[in-house]
N, C-alpha and C. Protein backbone atom coordinates (compact mmCIF):
# COMPACT_ATOMS: atom_id res chain seq x y z
N MET A 1 -46.36 -207.97 48.67
CA MET A 1 -45.89 -207.63 47.35
C MET A 1 -44.40 -207.35 47.42
N SER A 2 -43.68 -207.80 46.46
CA SER A 2 -42.23 -207.62 46.46
C SER A 2 -41.87 -206.17 46.14
N GLN A 3 -40.63 -205.86 46.42
CA GLN A 3 -40.14 -204.50 46.17
C GLN A 3 -40.18 -204.18 44.68
N LYS A 4 -39.86 -205.17 43.84
CA LYS A 4 -39.87 -204.94 42.40
C LYS A 4 -41.29 -204.66 41.89
N GLY A 5 -42.27 -205.39 42.38
CA GLY A 5 -43.66 -205.17 42.00
C GLY A 5 -44.18 -203.82 42.46
N ASN A 6 -43.77 -203.41 43.64
CA ASN A 6 -44.18 -202.11 44.18
C ASN A 6 -43.59 -200.98 43.35
N ASN A 7 -42.35 -201.15 42.90
CA ASN A 7 -41.70 -200.14 42.08
C ASN A 7 -42.40 -200.00 40.73
N GLY A 8 -42.84 -201.11 40.14
CA GLY A 8 -43.56 -201.07 38.87
C GLY A 8 -44.89 -200.36 39.01
N LEU A 9 -45.59 -200.61 40.12
CA LEU A 9 -46.86 -199.94 40.38
C LEU A 9 -46.65 -198.44 40.56
N LYS A 10 -45.57 -198.07 41.23
CA LYS A 10 -45.27 -196.66 41.44
C LYS A 10 -44.99 -195.96 40.11
N LYS A 11 -44.21 -196.60 39.22
CA LYS A 11 -43.93 -196.01 37.91
C LYS A 11 -45.19 -195.90 37.07
N TRP A 12 -46.06 -196.90 37.16
CA TRP A 12 -47.32 -196.86 36.41
C TRP A 12 -48.17 -195.69 36.89
N ALA A 13 -48.24 -195.48 38.20
CA ALA A 13 -49.03 -194.37 38.75
C ALA A 13 -48.44 -193.02 38.33
N ILE A 14 -47.12 -192.92 38.32
CA ILE A 14 -46.48 -191.66 37.91
C ILE A 14 -46.76 -191.37 36.44
N LEU A 15 -46.65 -192.39 35.59
CA LEU A 15 -46.91 -192.20 34.16
C LEU A 15 -48.37 -191.85 33.90
N THR A 16 -49.28 -192.42 34.66
CA THR A 16 -50.69 -192.06 34.53
C THR A 16 -50.91 -190.60 34.92
N ALA A 17 -50.27 -190.17 36.00
CA ALA A 17 -50.40 -188.78 36.44
C ALA A 17 -49.82 -187.83 35.40
N ILE A 18 -48.71 -188.23 34.77
CA ILE A 18 -48.10 -187.38 33.74
C ILE A 18 -49.07 -187.22 32.56
N GLY A 19 -49.73 -188.29 32.16
CA GLY A 19 -50.70 -188.21 31.07
C GLY A 19 -51.88 -187.32 31.41
N LEU A 20 -52.37 -187.43 32.63
CA LEU A 20 -53.47 -186.56 33.06
C LEU A 20 -53.04 -185.10 33.11
N GLU A 21 -51.82 -184.87 33.57
CA GLU A 21 -51.30 -183.51 33.62
C GLU A 21 -51.17 -182.92 32.22
N MET A 22 -50.70 -183.73 31.28
CA MET A 22 -50.56 -183.27 29.90
C MET A 22 -51.93 -182.90 29.32
N GLY A 23 -52.92 -183.73 29.55
CA GLY A 23 -54.27 -183.44 29.07
C GLY A 23 -54.84 -182.18 29.69
N ALA A 24 -54.62 -181.99 30.98
CA ALA A 24 -55.14 -180.81 31.67
C ALA A 24 -54.50 -179.53 31.15
N ILE A 25 -53.19 -179.56 30.93
CA ILE A 25 -52.49 -178.37 30.44
C ILE A 25 -52.99 -177.99 29.05
N ILE A 26 -53.10 -178.97 28.16
CA ILE A 26 -53.58 -178.68 26.81
C ILE A 26 -55.01 -178.17 26.86
N PHE A 27 -55.86 -178.78 27.66
CA PHE A 27 -57.26 -178.35 27.79
C PHE A 27 -57.33 -176.90 28.26
N LEU A 28 -56.55 -176.54 29.27
CA LEU A 28 -56.60 -175.18 29.80
C LEU A 28 -56.12 -174.15 28.77
N PHE A 29 -55.09 -174.48 28.01
CA PHE A 29 -54.61 -173.54 27.00
C PHE A 29 -55.59 -173.41 25.84
N VAL A 30 -56.29 -174.50 25.49
CA VAL A 30 -57.32 -174.41 24.45
C VAL A 30 -58.46 -173.52 24.94
N LYS A 31 -58.89 -173.71 26.19
CA LYS A 31 -59.96 -172.87 26.74
C LYS A 31 -59.53 -171.40 26.80
N LEU A 32 -58.27 -171.15 27.15
CA LEU A 32 -57.76 -169.78 27.15
C LEU A 32 -57.80 -169.19 25.75
N GLY A 33 -57.39 -169.97 24.75
CA GLY A 33 -57.43 -169.51 23.36
C GLY A 33 -58.85 -169.22 22.90
N LEU A 34 -59.80 -170.08 23.28
CA LEU A 34 -61.21 -169.84 22.94
C LEU A 34 -61.71 -168.54 23.56
N TRP A 35 -61.38 -168.35 24.83
CA TRP A 35 -61.82 -167.14 25.52
C TRP A 35 -61.22 -165.89 24.88
N LEU A 36 -59.93 -165.95 24.55
CA LEU A 36 -59.29 -164.80 23.91
C LEU A 36 -59.89 -164.53 22.53
N ASP A 37 -60.19 -165.58 21.77
CA ASP A 37 -60.81 -165.39 20.46
C ASP A 37 -62.20 -164.77 20.59
N GLU A 38 -62.96 -165.21 21.56
CA GLU A 38 -64.31 -164.67 21.74
C GLU A 38 -64.29 -163.21 22.17
N ASN A 39 -63.31 -162.84 22.98
CA ASN A 39 -63.31 -161.49 23.56
C ASN A 39 -62.46 -160.48 22.79
N TYR A 40 -61.41 -160.92 22.10
CA TYR A 40 -60.48 -159.98 21.50
C TYR A 40 -60.26 -160.19 20.00
N ASN A 41 -60.85 -161.21 19.42
CA ASN A 41 -60.60 -161.49 18.02
C ASN A 41 -61.93 -161.82 17.36
N SER A 42 -62.36 -160.98 16.44
CA SER A 42 -63.69 -161.13 15.86
C SER A 42 -63.71 -162.21 14.76
N GLY A 43 -64.15 -163.39 15.10
CA GLY A 43 -64.36 -164.45 14.13
C GLY A 43 -63.12 -165.23 13.72
N GLU A 44 -61.97 -164.80 14.11
CA GLU A 44 -60.74 -165.51 13.76
C GLU A 44 -60.46 -166.60 14.80
N LYS A 45 -59.57 -167.52 14.44
CA LYS A 45 -59.20 -168.59 15.38
C LYS A 45 -57.70 -168.54 15.68
N LEU A 46 -57.15 -167.36 15.69
CA LEU A 46 -55.72 -167.18 15.89
C LEU A 46 -55.29 -167.60 17.29
N TYR A 47 -56.00 -167.14 18.31
CA TYR A 47 -55.60 -167.42 19.69
C TYR A 47 -55.78 -168.89 20.06
N ILE A 48 -56.79 -169.53 19.54
CA ILE A 48 -56.97 -170.95 19.86
C ILE A 48 -55.85 -171.78 19.24
N ILE A 49 -55.39 -171.40 18.06
CA ILE A 49 -54.27 -172.12 17.44
C ILE A 49 -53.00 -171.92 18.25
N PHE A 50 -52.70 -170.68 18.61
CA PHE A 50 -51.51 -170.42 19.41
C PHE A 50 -51.62 -171.04 20.80
N GLY A 51 -52.81 -170.99 21.39
CA GLY A 51 -53.01 -171.59 22.70
C GLY A 51 -52.80 -173.09 22.68
N THR A 52 -53.32 -173.74 21.65
CA THR A 52 -53.16 -175.18 21.53
C THR A 52 -51.69 -175.55 21.34
N LEU A 53 -51.02 -174.86 20.44
CA LEU A 53 -49.60 -175.15 20.20
C LEU A 53 -48.75 -174.88 21.44
N LEU A 54 -49.04 -173.80 22.15
CA LEU A 54 -48.30 -173.48 23.36
C LEU A 54 -48.57 -174.53 24.44
N GLY A 55 -49.82 -174.96 24.58
CA GLY A 55 -50.15 -176.00 25.56
C GLY A 55 -49.46 -177.31 25.25
N VAL A 56 -49.41 -177.70 23.99
CA VAL A 56 -48.72 -178.94 23.60
C VAL A 56 -47.23 -178.82 23.87
N ALA A 57 -46.63 -177.68 23.53
CA ALA A 57 -45.20 -177.49 23.75
C ALA A 57 -44.84 -177.54 25.23
N ILE A 58 -45.62 -176.86 26.05
CA ILE A 58 -45.35 -176.85 27.50
C ILE A 58 -45.54 -178.24 28.08
N SER A 59 -46.60 -178.92 27.68
CA SER A 59 -46.85 -180.25 28.24
C SER A 59 -45.78 -181.24 27.79
N LEU A 60 -45.32 -181.16 26.54
CA LEU A 60 -44.24 -182.05 26.09
C LEU A 60 -42.94 -181.77 26.84
N PHE A 61 -42.64 -180.51 27.08
CA PHE A 61 -41.46 -180.15 27.85
C PHE A 61 -41.53 -180.76 29.25
N LEU A 62 -42.68 -180.64 29.89
CA LEU A 62 -42.84 -181.19 31.24
C LEU A 62 -42.79 -182.72 31.24
N VAL A 63 -43.35 -183.36 30.22
CA VAL A 63 -43.31 -184.82 30.14
C VAL A 63 -41.88 -185.30 29.98
N ILE A 64 -41.11 -184.67 29.11
CA ILE A 64 -39.72 -185.06 28.92
C ILE A 64 -38.93 -184.85 30.20
N LYS A 65 -39.15 -183.73 30.86
CA LYS A 65 -38.45 -183.44 32.11
C LYS A 65 -38.79 -184.48 33.19
N GLN A 66 -40.06 -184.83 33.32
CA GLN A 66 -40.48 -185.77 34.35
C GLN A 66 -40.05 -187.20 34.04
N THR A 67 -40.09 -187.62 32.78
CA THR A 67 -39.67 -188.98 32.45
C THR A 67 -38.15 -189.13 32.58
N ASN A 68 -37.40 -188.07 32.29
CA ASN A 68 -35.95 -188.15 32.52
C ASN A 68 -35.66 -188.29 34.01
N LYS A 69 -36.39 -187.59 34.84
CA LYS A 69 -36.22 -187.70 36.28
C LYS A 69 -36.63 -189.09 36.77
N LEU A 70 -37.64 -189.67 36.13
CA LEU A 70 -38.11 -191.00 36.51
C LEU A 70 -37.08 -192.08 36.18
N ASN A 71 -36.34 -191.91 35.10
CA ASN A 71 -35.36 -192.90 34.67
C ASN A 71 -34.06 -192.85 35.45
N GLN A 72 -33.84 -191.81 36.22
CA GLN A 72 -32.58 -191.70 36.98
C GLN A 72 -32.59 -192.54 38.22
């Protein structure tokens, strides 16, 4: 395989890992929000909303940071 083909495969693998990482971060923050709502908030969905938004914000920050590093 040529060097150019190997580089494309490497970028594809990195982008796949970034997507999986983003999904895992959002999932964990949603689960944290659910747990907080069940234990500390009677019937409200405040923590799950904040957890989801925080998970999306953190994962987007990490995606932007990693893709900028990938393009250098």
